[in-house]
């Protein structure tokens, strides 16, 4: 298998979750939402082959390409290039859990012309273009310190422009020190150290997930306790979603969902 094969980058998980924001995004089709869920079911670093995804349905290549273009145009799938450890360009398809808003699109992508969407490796030596002019993040000392610390773990997992979007959306200026103090605890995890940092999550996703918010000061939390906090957080947020659905339909929520939500809420005030 070629080291320059297109790769999928996404959050690791043993099950598929679809963001409510995506489900309710009226800019994209039901088909595109289904394609997002299909891609989400694949593991991180999966070799991204159009033929494998097309074969999972009866709609064909043109339908898949149209849906993929929608996801890219409206910020749910990010396609870019980066150099691998051998210095070769690799195409990365990064699945996003909230829409990328750096370059908002205002026009629905045409389904007639698919020329701009191709499933192939890049053969060019031209470096990906950097934003022109001064970048907002370069003058933000908190963001720069956090990004530099994260880059030391694995620079290939850092996309400054995307991380900067999350930083601004989440208003993280006041949290820079907390993030820096939490980072060593994550860096000590076996998953983060395995295979030269290959399984370290994307920087923007890690910021957005917010697991660092429930981590005590550096190295005061064991990997086991951190994993338990993550489990409680995941279960609590899933329970909250189901409870809200019950409220919308006028039904009673399950007792176990109420218990999971209480544990999550208790964790937030520790």
C-alpha atoms as a PDB file:
ATOM      1  CA  UNK A   1       0.000   0.000   0.000  1.00  0.00           C
ATOM      2  CA  UNK A   2       1.424   3.371  -0.991  1.00  0.00           C
ATOM      3  CA  UNK A   3       2.352   5.851   1.726  1.00  0.00           C
ATOM      4  CA  UNK A   4       0.835   8.587  -0.443  1.00  0.00           C
ATOM      5  CA  UNK A   5      -2.638   7.037  -0.572  1.00  0.00           C
ATOM      6  CA  UNK A   6      -5.418   9.474   0.414  1.00  0.00           C
ATOM      7  CA  UNK A   7      -6.158   9.176   4.133  1.00  0.00           C
ATOM      8  CA  UNK A   8      -9.199   9.771   6.298  1.00  0.00           C
ATOM      9  CA  UNK A   9      -8.745  11.795   9.492  1.00  0.00           C
ATOM     10  CA  UNK A  10     -11.487  11.671  12.101  1.00  0.00           C
ATOM     11  CA  UNK A  11     -12.240  11.267  15.770  1.00  0.00           C
ATOM     12  CA  UNK A  12     -11.693   7.705  17.002  1.00  0.00           C
ATOM     13  CA  UNK A  13     -14.784   5.828  18.168  1.00  0.00           C
ATOM     14  CA  UNK A  14     -16.280   2.331  18.258  1.00  0.00           C
ATOM     15  CA  UNK A  15     -19.661   3.593  17.109  1.00  0.00           C
ATOM     16  CA  UNK A  16     -21.102   6.197  14.773  1.00  0.00           C
ATOM     17  CA  UNK A  17     -22.585   9.455  16.082  1.00  0.00           C
ATOM     18  CA  UNK A  18     -24.089  12.117  13.849  1.00  0.00           C
ATOM     19  CA  UNK A  19     -24.104  15.736  15.129  1.00  0.00           C
ATOM     20  CA  UNK A  20     -27.536  17.290  15.484  1.00  0.00           C
ATOM     21  CA  UNK A  21     -26.157  20.377  13.745  1.00  0.00           C
ATOM     22  CA  UNK A  22     -25.452  18.263  10.663  1.00  0.00           C
ATOM     23  CA  UNK A  23     -28.860  16.589  10.734  1.00  0.00           C
ATOM     24  CA  UNK A  24     -30.551  19.993  10.908  1.00  0.00           C
ATOM     25  CA  UNK A  25     -28.314  21.676   8.319  1.00  0.00           C
ATOM     26  CA  UNK A  26     -30.848  22.568   5.611  1.00  0.00           C
ATOM     27  CA  UNK A  27     -28.105  23.575   3.173  1.00  0.00           C
ATOM     28  CA  UNK A  28     -27.211  19.977   2.356  1.00  0.00           C
ATOM     29  CA  UNK A  29     -29.174  17.002   1.074  1.00  0.00           C
ATOM     30  CA  UNK A  30     -30.237  13.835   2.890  1.00  0.00           C
ATOM     31  CA  UNK A  31     -27.807  12.012   0.614  1.00  0.00           C
ATOM     32  CA  UNK A  32     -24.881  14.136   1.811  1.00  0.00           C
ATOM     33  CA  UNK A  33     -25.847  13.525   5.444  1.00  0.00           C
ATOM     34  CA  UNK A  34     -25.860   9.790   4.778  1.00  0.00           C
ATOM     35  CA  UNK A  35     -22.428   9.969   3.158  1.00  0.00           C
ATOM     36  CA  UNK A  36     -21.100  11.835   6.215  1.00  0.00           C
ATOM     37  CA  UNK A  37     -22.383   9.026   8.453  1.00  0.00           C
ATOM     38  CA  UNK A  38     -20.819   6.395   6.169  1.00  0.00           C
ATOM     39  CA  UNK A  39     -17.428   8.108   6.313  1.00  0.00           C
ATOM     40  CA  UNK A  40     -17.759   8.511  10.085  1.00  0.00           C
ATOM     41  CA  UNK A  41     -18.099   4.713  10.384  1.00  0.00           C
ATOM     42  CA  UNK A  42     -14.571   4.249   8.981  1.00  0.00           C
ATOM     43  CA  UNK A  43     -11.510   4.222  11.287  1.00  0.00           C
ATOM     44  CA  UNK A  44      -9.046   7.095  11.565  1.00  0.00           C
ATOM     45  CA  UNK A  45      -6.226   6.881   8.996  1.00  0.00           C
ATOM     46  CA  UNK A  46      -8.409   4.700   6.752  1.00  0.00           C
ATOM     47  CA  UNK A  47      -7.261   4.732   3.125  1.00  0.00           C
ATOM     48  CA  UNK A  48      -9.843   6.987   1.488  1.00  0.00           C
ATOM     49  CA  UNK A  49     -10.978   5.238  -1.687  1.00  0.00           C
ATOM     50  CA  UNK A  50     -14.002   6.536  -3.532  1.00  0.00           C
ATOM     51  CA  UNK A  51     -14.737   3.083  -4.955  1.00  0.00           C
ATOM     52  CA  UNK A  52     -15.051   1.565  -1.467  1.00  0.00           C
ATOM     53  CA  UNK A  53     -17.587   4.189  -0.420  1.00  0.00           C
ATOM     54  CA  UNK A  54     -19.561   4.047  -3.659  1.00  0.00           C
ATOM     55  CA  UNK A  55     -19.882   0.286  -3.253  1.00  0.00           C
ATOM     56  CA  UNK A  56     -21.726   0.737   0.041  1.00  0.00           C
ATOM     57  CA  UNK A  57     -24.886   1.958  -1.734  1.00  0.00           C
ATOM     58  CA  UNK A  58     -26.827   1.594  -4.980  1.00  0.00           C
ATOM     59  CA  UNK A  59     -26.692   5.255  -6.027  1.00  0.00           C
ATOM     60  CA  UNK A  60     -23.429   5.210  -7.960  1.00  0.00           C
ATOM     61  CA  UNK A  61     -20.330   7.337  -8.390  1.00  0.00           C
ATOM     62  CA  UNK A  62     -21.984  10.546  -9.615  1.00  0.00           C
ATOM     63  CA  UNK A  63     -24.363  10.633  -6.654  1.00  0.00           C
ATOM     64  CA  UNK A  64     -21.475  10.078  -4.249  1.00  0.00           C
ATOM     65  CA  UNK A  65     -19.379  12.833  -5.814  1.00  0.00           C
ATOM     66  CA  UNK A  66     -22.271  15.285  -5.684  1.00  0.00           C
ATOM     67  CA  UNK A  67     -22.824  14.524  -1.992  1.00  0.00           C
ATOM     68  CA  UNK A  68     -19.089  14.785  -1.210  1.00  0.00           C
ATOM     69  CA  UNK A  69     -18.938  18.178  -2.934  1.00  0.00           C
ATOM     70  CA  UNK A  70     -21.797  19.380  -0.740  1.00  0.00           C
ATOM     71  CA  UNK A  71     -19.978  18.281   2.415  1.00  0.00           C
ATOM     72  CA  UNK A  72     -16.777  20.009   1.304  1.00  0.00           C
ATOM     73  CA  UNK A  73     -18.554  23.184   0.143  1.00  0.00           C
ATOM     74  CA  UNK A  74     -20.438  23.626   3.404  1.00  0.00           C
ATOM     75  CA  UNK A  75     -17.581  22.746   5.727  1.00  0.00           C
ATOM     76  CA  UNK A  76     -18.407  19.202   6.899  1.00  0.00           C
ATOM     77  CA  UNK A  77     -15.521  17.545   5.038  1.00  0.00           C
ATOM     78  CA  UNK A  78     -12.108  19.183   4.657  1.00  0.00           C
ATOM     79  CA  UNK A  79      -9.804  18.127   1.807  1.00  0.00           C
ATOM     80  CA  UNK A  80      -6.183  19.252   1.936  1.00  0.00           C
ATOM     81  CA  UNK A  81      -2.595  18.069   1.494  1.00  0.00           C
ATOM     82  CA  UNK A  82       0.265  17.646   3.908  1.00  0.00           C
ATOM     83  CA  UNK A  83       3.676  16.020   3.807  1.00  0.00           C
ATOM     84  CA  UNK A  84       4.157  12.607   5.397  1.00  0.00           C
ATOM     85  CA  UNK A  85       7.258  11.516   7.296  1.00  0.00           C
ATOM     86  CA  UNK A  86       9.003  10.720   3.967  1.00  0.00           C
ATOM     87  CA  UNK A  87       8.380  14.239   2.671  1.00  0.00           C
ATOM     88  CA  UNK A  88       5.733  13.143   0.125  1.00  0.00           C
ATOM     89  CA  UNK A  89       2.406  14.909  -0.239  1.00  0.00           C
ATOM     90  CA  UNK A  90      -0.611  12.980   1.039  1.00  0.00           C
ATOM     91  CA  UNK A  91      -4.229  13.987   0.443  1.00  0.00           C
ATOM     92  CA  UNK A  92      -6.161  14.142   3.722  1.00  0.00           C
ATOM     93  CA  UNK A  93      -9.943  14.030   3.999  1.00  0.00           C
ATOM     94  CA  UNK A  94     -10.779  15.329   7.473  1.00  0.00           C
ATOM     95  CA  UNK A  95     -14.287  14.676   8.738  1.00  0.00           C
ATOM     96  CA  UNK A  96     -15.613  17.656  10.712  1.00  0.00           C
ATOM     97  CA  UNK A  97     -18.074  17.569  13.606  1.00  0.00           C
ATOM     98  CA  UNK A  98     -19.055  21.222  13.280  1.00  0.00           C
ATOM     99  CA  UNK A  99     -18.934  23.095   9.967  1.00  0.00           C
ATOM    100  CA  UNK A 100     -15.709  24.832   9.026  1.00  0.00           C
ATOM    101  CA  UNK A 101     -16.535  28.526   8.651  1.00  0.00           C
ATOM    102  CA  UNK A 102     -13.238  29.976   7.465  1.00  0.00           C
ATOM    103  CA  UNK A 103     -14.524  30.292   3.912  1.00  0.00           C
ATOM    104  CA  UNK A 104     -18.317  30.089   4.115  1.00  0.00           C
ATOM    105  CA  UNK A 105     -20.034  29.111   0.925  1.00  0.00           C
ATOM    106  CA  UNK A 106     -23.238  30.880  -0.113  1.00  0.00           C
ATOM    107  CA  UNK A 107     -24.012  28.959  -3.286  1.00  0.00           C
ATOM    108  CA  UNK A 108     -25.179  25.357  -3.519  1.00  0.00           C
ATOM    109  CA  UNK A 109     -22.613  23.244  -5.392  1.00  0.00           C
ATOM    110  CA  UNK A 110     -23.698  22.124  -8.834  1.00  0.00           C
ATOM    111  CA  UNK A 111     -24.266  18.399  -9.265  1.00  0.00           C
ATOM    112  CA  UNK A 112     -23.614  18.633 -12.998  1.00  0.00           C
ATOM    113  CA  UNK A 113     -19.861  19.205 -12.970  1.00  0.00           C
ATOM    114  CA  UNK A 114     -17.747  16.953 -10.778  1.00  0.00           C
ATOM    115  CA  UNK A 115     -14.351  17.894 -12.248  1.00  0.00           C
ATOM    116  CA  UNK A 116     -13.074  19.448  -9.042  1.00  0.00           C
ATOM    117  CA  UNK A 117     -13.664  16.323  -6.945  1.00  0.00           C
ATOM    118  CA  UNK A 118     -11.111  13.612  -7.709  1.00  0.00           C
ATOM    119  CA  UNK A 119      -9.995  10.526  -5.835  1.00  0.00           C
ATOM    120  CA  UNK A 120      -6.281  10.546  -6.611  1.00  0.00           C
ATOM    121  CA  UNK A 121      -2.881  11.248  -5.067  1.00  0.00           C
ATOM    122  CA  UNK A 122      -1.115  14.532  -5.722  1.00  0.00           C
ATOM    123  CA  UNK A 123       2.049  14.342  -7.822  1.00  0.00           C
ATOM    124  CA  UNK A 124       3.016  18.000  -7.470  1.00  0.00           C
ATOM    125  CA  UNK A 125       5.809  19.379  -5.337  1.00  0.00           C
ATOM    126  CA  UNK A 126       4.042  22.703  -4.917  1.00  0.00           C
ATOM    127  CA  UNK A 127       3.436  23.393  -1.227  1.00  0.00           C
ATOM    128  CA  UNK A 128      -0.127  24.065  -0.038  1.00  0.00           C
ATOM    129  CA  UNK A 129      -0.781  27.783  -0.050  1.00  0.00           C
ATOM    130  CA  UNK A 130      -0.710  29.657   3.239  1.00  0.00           C
ATOM    131  CA  UNK A 131      -3.223  32.380   4.069  1.00  0.00           C
ATOM    132  CA  UNK A 132      -2.047  35.667   2.584  1.00  0.00           C
ATOM    133  CA  UNK A 133      -1.282  38.586   4.865  1.00  0.00           C
ATOM    134  CA  UNK A 134      -1.025  38.504   8.675  1.00  0.00           C
ATOM    135  CA  UNK A 135      -2.904  35.619  10.311  1.00  0.00           C
ATOM    136  CA  UNK A 136      -5.020  36.428  13.342  1.00  0.00           C
ATOM    137  CA  UNK A 137      -3.562  33.596  15.383  1.00  0.00           C
ATOM    138  CA  UNK A 138       0.024  34.802  15.016  1.00  0.00           C
ATOM    139  CA  UNK A 139      -0.649  37.768  17.308  1.00  0.00           C
ATOM    140  CA  UNK A 140      -2.481  35.660  19.914  1.00  0.00           C
ATOM    141  CA  UNK A 141       0.170  34.539  22.410  1.00  0.00           C
ATOM    142  CA  UNK A 142      -2.107  32.069  24.208  1.00  0.00           C
ATOM    143  CA  UNK A 143      -3.064  30.247  21.024  1.00  0.00           C
ATOM    144  CA  UNK A 144       0.531  30.225  19.779  1.00  0.00           C
ATOM    145  CA  UNK A 145       1.849  28.724  23.037  1.00  0.00           C
ATOM    146  CA  UNK A 146      -0.785  25.971  23.026  1.00  0.00           C
ATOM    147  CA  UNK A 147      -0.298  25.210  19.330  1.00  0.00           C
ATOM    148  CA  UNK A 148       3.485  25.048  19.676  1.00  0.00           C
ATOM    149  CA  UNK A 149       3.189  22.666  22.643  1.00  0.00           C
ATOM    150  CA  UNK A 150       0.789  20.435  20.726  1.00  0.00           C
ATOM    151  CA  UNK A 151       3.001  20.503  17.623  1.00  0.00           C
ATOM    152  CA  UNK A 152       5.889  19.042  19.616  1.00  0.00           C
ATOM    153  CA  UNK A 153       3.821  15.872  20.076  1.00  0.00           C
ATOM    154  CA  UNK A 154       3.081  15.432  16.358  1.00  0.00           C
ATOM    155  CA  UNK A 155       3.201  18.415  13.965  1.00  0.00           C
ATOM    156  CA  UNK A 156       1.172  16.567  11.322  1.00  0.00           C
ATOM    157  CA  UNK A 157      -1.870  16.706  13.638  1.00  0.00           C
ATOM    158  CA  UNK A 158      -1.948  20.509  13.688  1.00  0.00           C
ATOM    159  CA  UNK A 159      -3.855  22.636  11.182  1.00  0.00           C
ATOM    160  CA  UNK A 160      -3.476  26.228  12.482  1.00  0.00           C
ATOM    161  CA  UNK A 161      -6.322  27.751  10.461  1.00  0.00           C
ATOM    162  CA  UNK A 162      -8.868  25.164  11.592  1.00  0.00           C
ATOM    163  CA  UNK A 163      -7.692  25.263  15.203  1.00  0.00           C
ATOM    164  CA  UNK A 164      -7.920  29.059  15.156  1.00  0.00           C
ATOM    165  CA  UNK A 165     -11.575  28.832  14.091  1.00  0.00           C
ATOM    166  CA  UNK A 166     -12.318  26.588  17.085  1.00  0.00           C
ATOM    167  CA  UNK A 167     -10.287  28.840  19.400  1.00  0.00           C
ATOM    168  CA  UNK A 168     -12.376  31.843  18.410  1.00  0.00           C
ATOM    169  CA  UNK A 169     -15.712  30.027  18.442  1.00  0.00           C
ATOM    170  CA  UNK A 170     -15.082  28.582  21.922  1.00  0.00           C
ATOM    171  CA  UNK A 171     -13.524  31.849  23.203  1.00  0.00           C
ATOM    172  CA  UNK A 172     -10.486  30.033  24.604  1.00  0.00           C
ATOM    173  CA  UNK A 173      -8.193  33.015  25.310  1.00  0.00           C
ATOM    174  CA  UNK A 174      -8.892  32.775  29.033  1.00  0.00           C
ATOM    175  CA  UNK A 175      -8.335  28.995  28.997  1.00  0.00           C
ATOM    176  CA  UNK A 176      -4.862  28.905  27.438  1.00  0.00           C
ATOM    177  CA  UNK A 177      -3.075  28.213  30.734  1.00  0.00           C
ATOM    178  CA  UNK A 178      -5.566  25.489  31.689  1.00  0.00           C
ATOM    179  CA  UNK A 179      -5.074  23.798  28.309  1.00  0.00           C
ATOM    180  CA  UNK A 180      -1.284  23.931  28.657  1.00  0.00           C
ATOM    181  CA  UNK A 181      -1.467  22.393  32.137  1.00  0.00           C
ATOM    182  CA  UNK A 182      -3.786  19.615  30.930  1.00  0.00           C
ATOM    183  CA  UNK A 183      -1.774  18.689  27.829  1.00  0.00           C
ATOM    184  CA  UNK A 184       0.953  16.600  29.572  1.00  0.00           C
ATOM    185  CA  UNK A 185      -1.689  14.320  31.060  1.00  0.00           C
ATOM    186  CA  UNK A 186      -2.944  13.508  27.568  1.00  0.00           C
ATOM    187  CA  UNK A 187       0.584  13.212  26.196  1.00  0.00           C
ATOM    188  CA  UNK A 188       1.259  10.486  28.773  1.00  0.00           C
ATOM    189  CA  UNK A 189      -1.565   8.297  27.425  1.00  0.00           C
ATOM    190  CA  UNK A 190      -0.435   5.090  25.701  1.00  0.00           C
ATOM    191  CA  UNK A 191      -2.670   5.882  22.727  1.00  0.00           C
ATOM    192  CA  UNK A 192      -0.928   9.218  22.190  1.00  0.00           C
ATOM    193  CA  UNK A 193       2.550   7.696  22.460  1.00  0.00           C
ATOM    194  CA  UNK A 194       1.889   4.706  20.190  1.00  0.00           C
ATOM    195  CA  UNK A 195       3.481   4.569  16.717  1.00  0.00           C
ATOM    196  CA  UNK A 196       5.255   7.885  17.039  1.00  0.00           C
ATOM    197  CA  UNK A 197       2.095   9.837  17.864  1.00  0.00           C
ATOM    198  CA  UNK A 198       0.128   8.497  14.911  1.00  0.00           C
ATOM    199  CA  UNK A 199      -3.069   8.265  16.961  1.00  0.00           C
ATOM    200  CA  UNK A 200      -2.909  11.714  18.522  1.00  0.00           C
ATOM    201  CA  UNK A 201      -6.186  13.477  17.647  1.00  0.00           C
ATOM    202  CA  UNK A 202      -6.257  16.486  15.382  1.00  0.00           C
ATOM    203  CA  UNK A 203      -5.494  19.652  17.344  1.00  0.00           C
ATOM    204  CA  UNK A 204      -8.699  21.437  16.341  1.00  0.00           C
ATOM    205  CA  UNK A 205     -10.813  18.411  17.300  1.00  0.00           C
ATOM    206  CA  UNK A 206      -9.056  18.055  20.639  1.00  0.00           C
ATOM    207  CA  UNK A 207      -9.744  21.693  21.451  1.00  0.00           C
ATOM    208  CA  UNK A 208     -13.382  21.384  20.396  1.00  0.00           C
ATOM    209  CA  UNK A 209     -13.994  18.122  22.286  1.00  0.00           C
ATOM    210  CA  UNK A 210     -13.107  19.901  25.507  1.00  0.00           C
ATOM    211  CA  UNK A 211     -11.832  16.869  27.445  1.00  0.00           C
ATOM    212  CA  UNK A 212      -9.070  19.138  28.753  1.00  0.00           C
ATOM    213  CA  UNK A 213     -11.729  21.077  30.679  1.00  0.00           C
ATOM    214  CA  UNK A 214     -12.246  18.185  33.111  1.00  0.00           C
ATOM    215  CA  UNK A 215      -8.540  17.386  33.553  1.00  0.00           C
ATOM    216  CA  UNK A 216      -6.788  18.474  36.734  1.00  0.00           C
ATOM    217  CA  UNK A 217      -3.426  20.205  36.771  1.00  0.00           C
ATOM    218  CA  UNK A 218      -0.634  18.463  34.856  1.00  0.00           C
ATOM    219  CA  UNK A 219       0.060  14.840  35.825  1.00  0.00           C
ATOM    220  CA  UNK A 220      -2.298  14.902  38.805  1.00  0.00           C
ATOM    221  CA  UNK A 221      -4.798  12.727  36.934  1.00  0.00           C
ATOM    222  CA  UNK A 222      -3.959   9.157  35.976  1.00  0.00           C
ATOM    223  CA  UNK A 223      -4.674   7.831  32.508  1.00  0.00           C
ATOM    224  CA  UNK A 224      -7.354   5.559  34.010  1.00  0.00           C
ATOM    225  CA  UNK A 225      -9.105   8.453  35.720  1.00  0.00           C
ATOM    226  CA  UNK A 226      -8.907  10.546  32.577  1.00  0.00           C
ATOM    227  CA  UNK A 227     -10.486   7.733  30.575  1.00  0.00           C
ATOM    228  CA  UNK A 228     -13.266   7.442  33.170  1.00  0.00           C
ATOM    229  CA  UNK A 229     -13.909  11.194  32.929  1.00  0.00           C
ATOM    230  CA  UNK A 230     -14.133  10.887  29.169  1.00  0.00           C
ATOM    231  CA  UNK A 231     -16.564   7.973  29.512  1.00  0.00           C
ATOM    232  CA  UNK A 232     -18.779   9.910  31.918  1.00  0.00           C
ATOM    233  CA  UNK A 233     -18.692  12.951  29.630  1.00  0.00           C
ATOM    234  CA  UNK A 234     -19.590  10.912  26.543  1.00  0.00           C
ATOM    235  CA  UNK A 235     -22.395   9.051  28.329  1.00  0.00           C
ATOM    236  CA  UNK A 236     -23.721  12.263  29.860  1.00  0.00           C
ATOM    237  CA  UNK A 237     -23.870  14.142  26.578  1.00  0.00           C
ATOM    238  CA  UNK A 238     -25.567  11.204  24.846  1.00  0.00           C
ATOM    239  CA  UNK A 239     -28.074  10.974  27.692  1.00  0.00           C
ATOM    240  CA  UNK A 240     -28.739  14.718  27.471  1.00  0.00           C
ATOM    241  CA  UNK A 241     -29.554  14.360  23.773  1.00  0.00           C
ATOM    242  CA  UNK A 242     -32.021  11.544  24.465  1.00  0.00           C
ATOM    243  CA  UNK A 243     -33.610  13.447  27.359  1.00  0.00           C
ATOM    244  CA  UNK A 244     -34.168  16.468  25.122  1.00  0.00           C
ATOM    245  CA  UNK A 245     -35.792  14.201  22.525  1.00  0.00           C
ATOM    246  CA  UNK A 246     -38.123  12.818  25.196  1.00  0.00           C
ATOM    247  CA  UNK A 247     -39.043  16.356  26.233  1.00  0.00           C
ATOM    248  CA  UNK A 248     -39.805  17.247  22.626  1.00  0.00           C
ATOM    249  CA  UNK A 249     -42.141  14.258  22.242  1.00  0.00           C
ATOM    250  CA  UNK A 250     -43.676  14.560  25.701  1.00  0.00           C
ATOM    251  CA  UNK A 251     -42.362  11.209  26.968  1.00  0.00           C
ATOM    252  CA  UNK A 252     -40.541  10.263  30.154  1.00  0.00           C
ATOM    253  CA  UNK A 253     -36.756   9.818  29.914  1.00  0.00           C
ATOM    254  CA  UNK A 254     -35.128   6.585  31.028  1.00  0.00           C
ATOM    255  CA  UNK A 255     -33.882   6.445  34.616  1.00  0.00           C
ATOM    256  CA  UNK A 256     -30.402   5.437  33.464  1.00  0.00           C
ATOM    257  CA  UNK A 257     -30.219   8.509  31.215  1.00  0.00           C
ATOM    258  CA  UNK A 258     -31.135  10.754  34.140  1.00  0.00           C
ATOM    259  CA  UNK A 259     -28.464   9.067  36.252  1.00  0.00           C
ATOM    260  CA  UNK A 260     -25.829   9.473  33.502  1.00  0.00           C
ATOM    261  CA  UNK A 261     -26.693  13.154  33.172  1.00  0.00           C
ATOM    262  CA  UNK A 262     -26.386  13.701  36.937  1.00  0.00           C
ATOM    263  CA  UNK A 263     -22.921  12.086  36.955  1.00  0.00           C
ATOM    264  CA  UNK A 264     -21.840  14.297  34.069  1.00  0.00           C
ATOM    265  CA  UNK A 265     -23.175  17.443  35.752  1.00  0.00           C
ATOM    266  CA  UNK A 266     -21.422  16.522  39.001  1.00  0.00           C
ATOM    267  CA  UNK A 267     -18.152  16.130  37.089  1.00  0.00           C
ATOM    268  CA  UNK A 268     -18.458  19.662  35.698  1.00  0.00           C
ATOM    269  CA  UNK A 269     -18.530  21.278  39.145  1.00  0.00           C
ATOM    270  CA  UNK A 270     -15.582  19.386  40.626  1.00  0.00           C
END
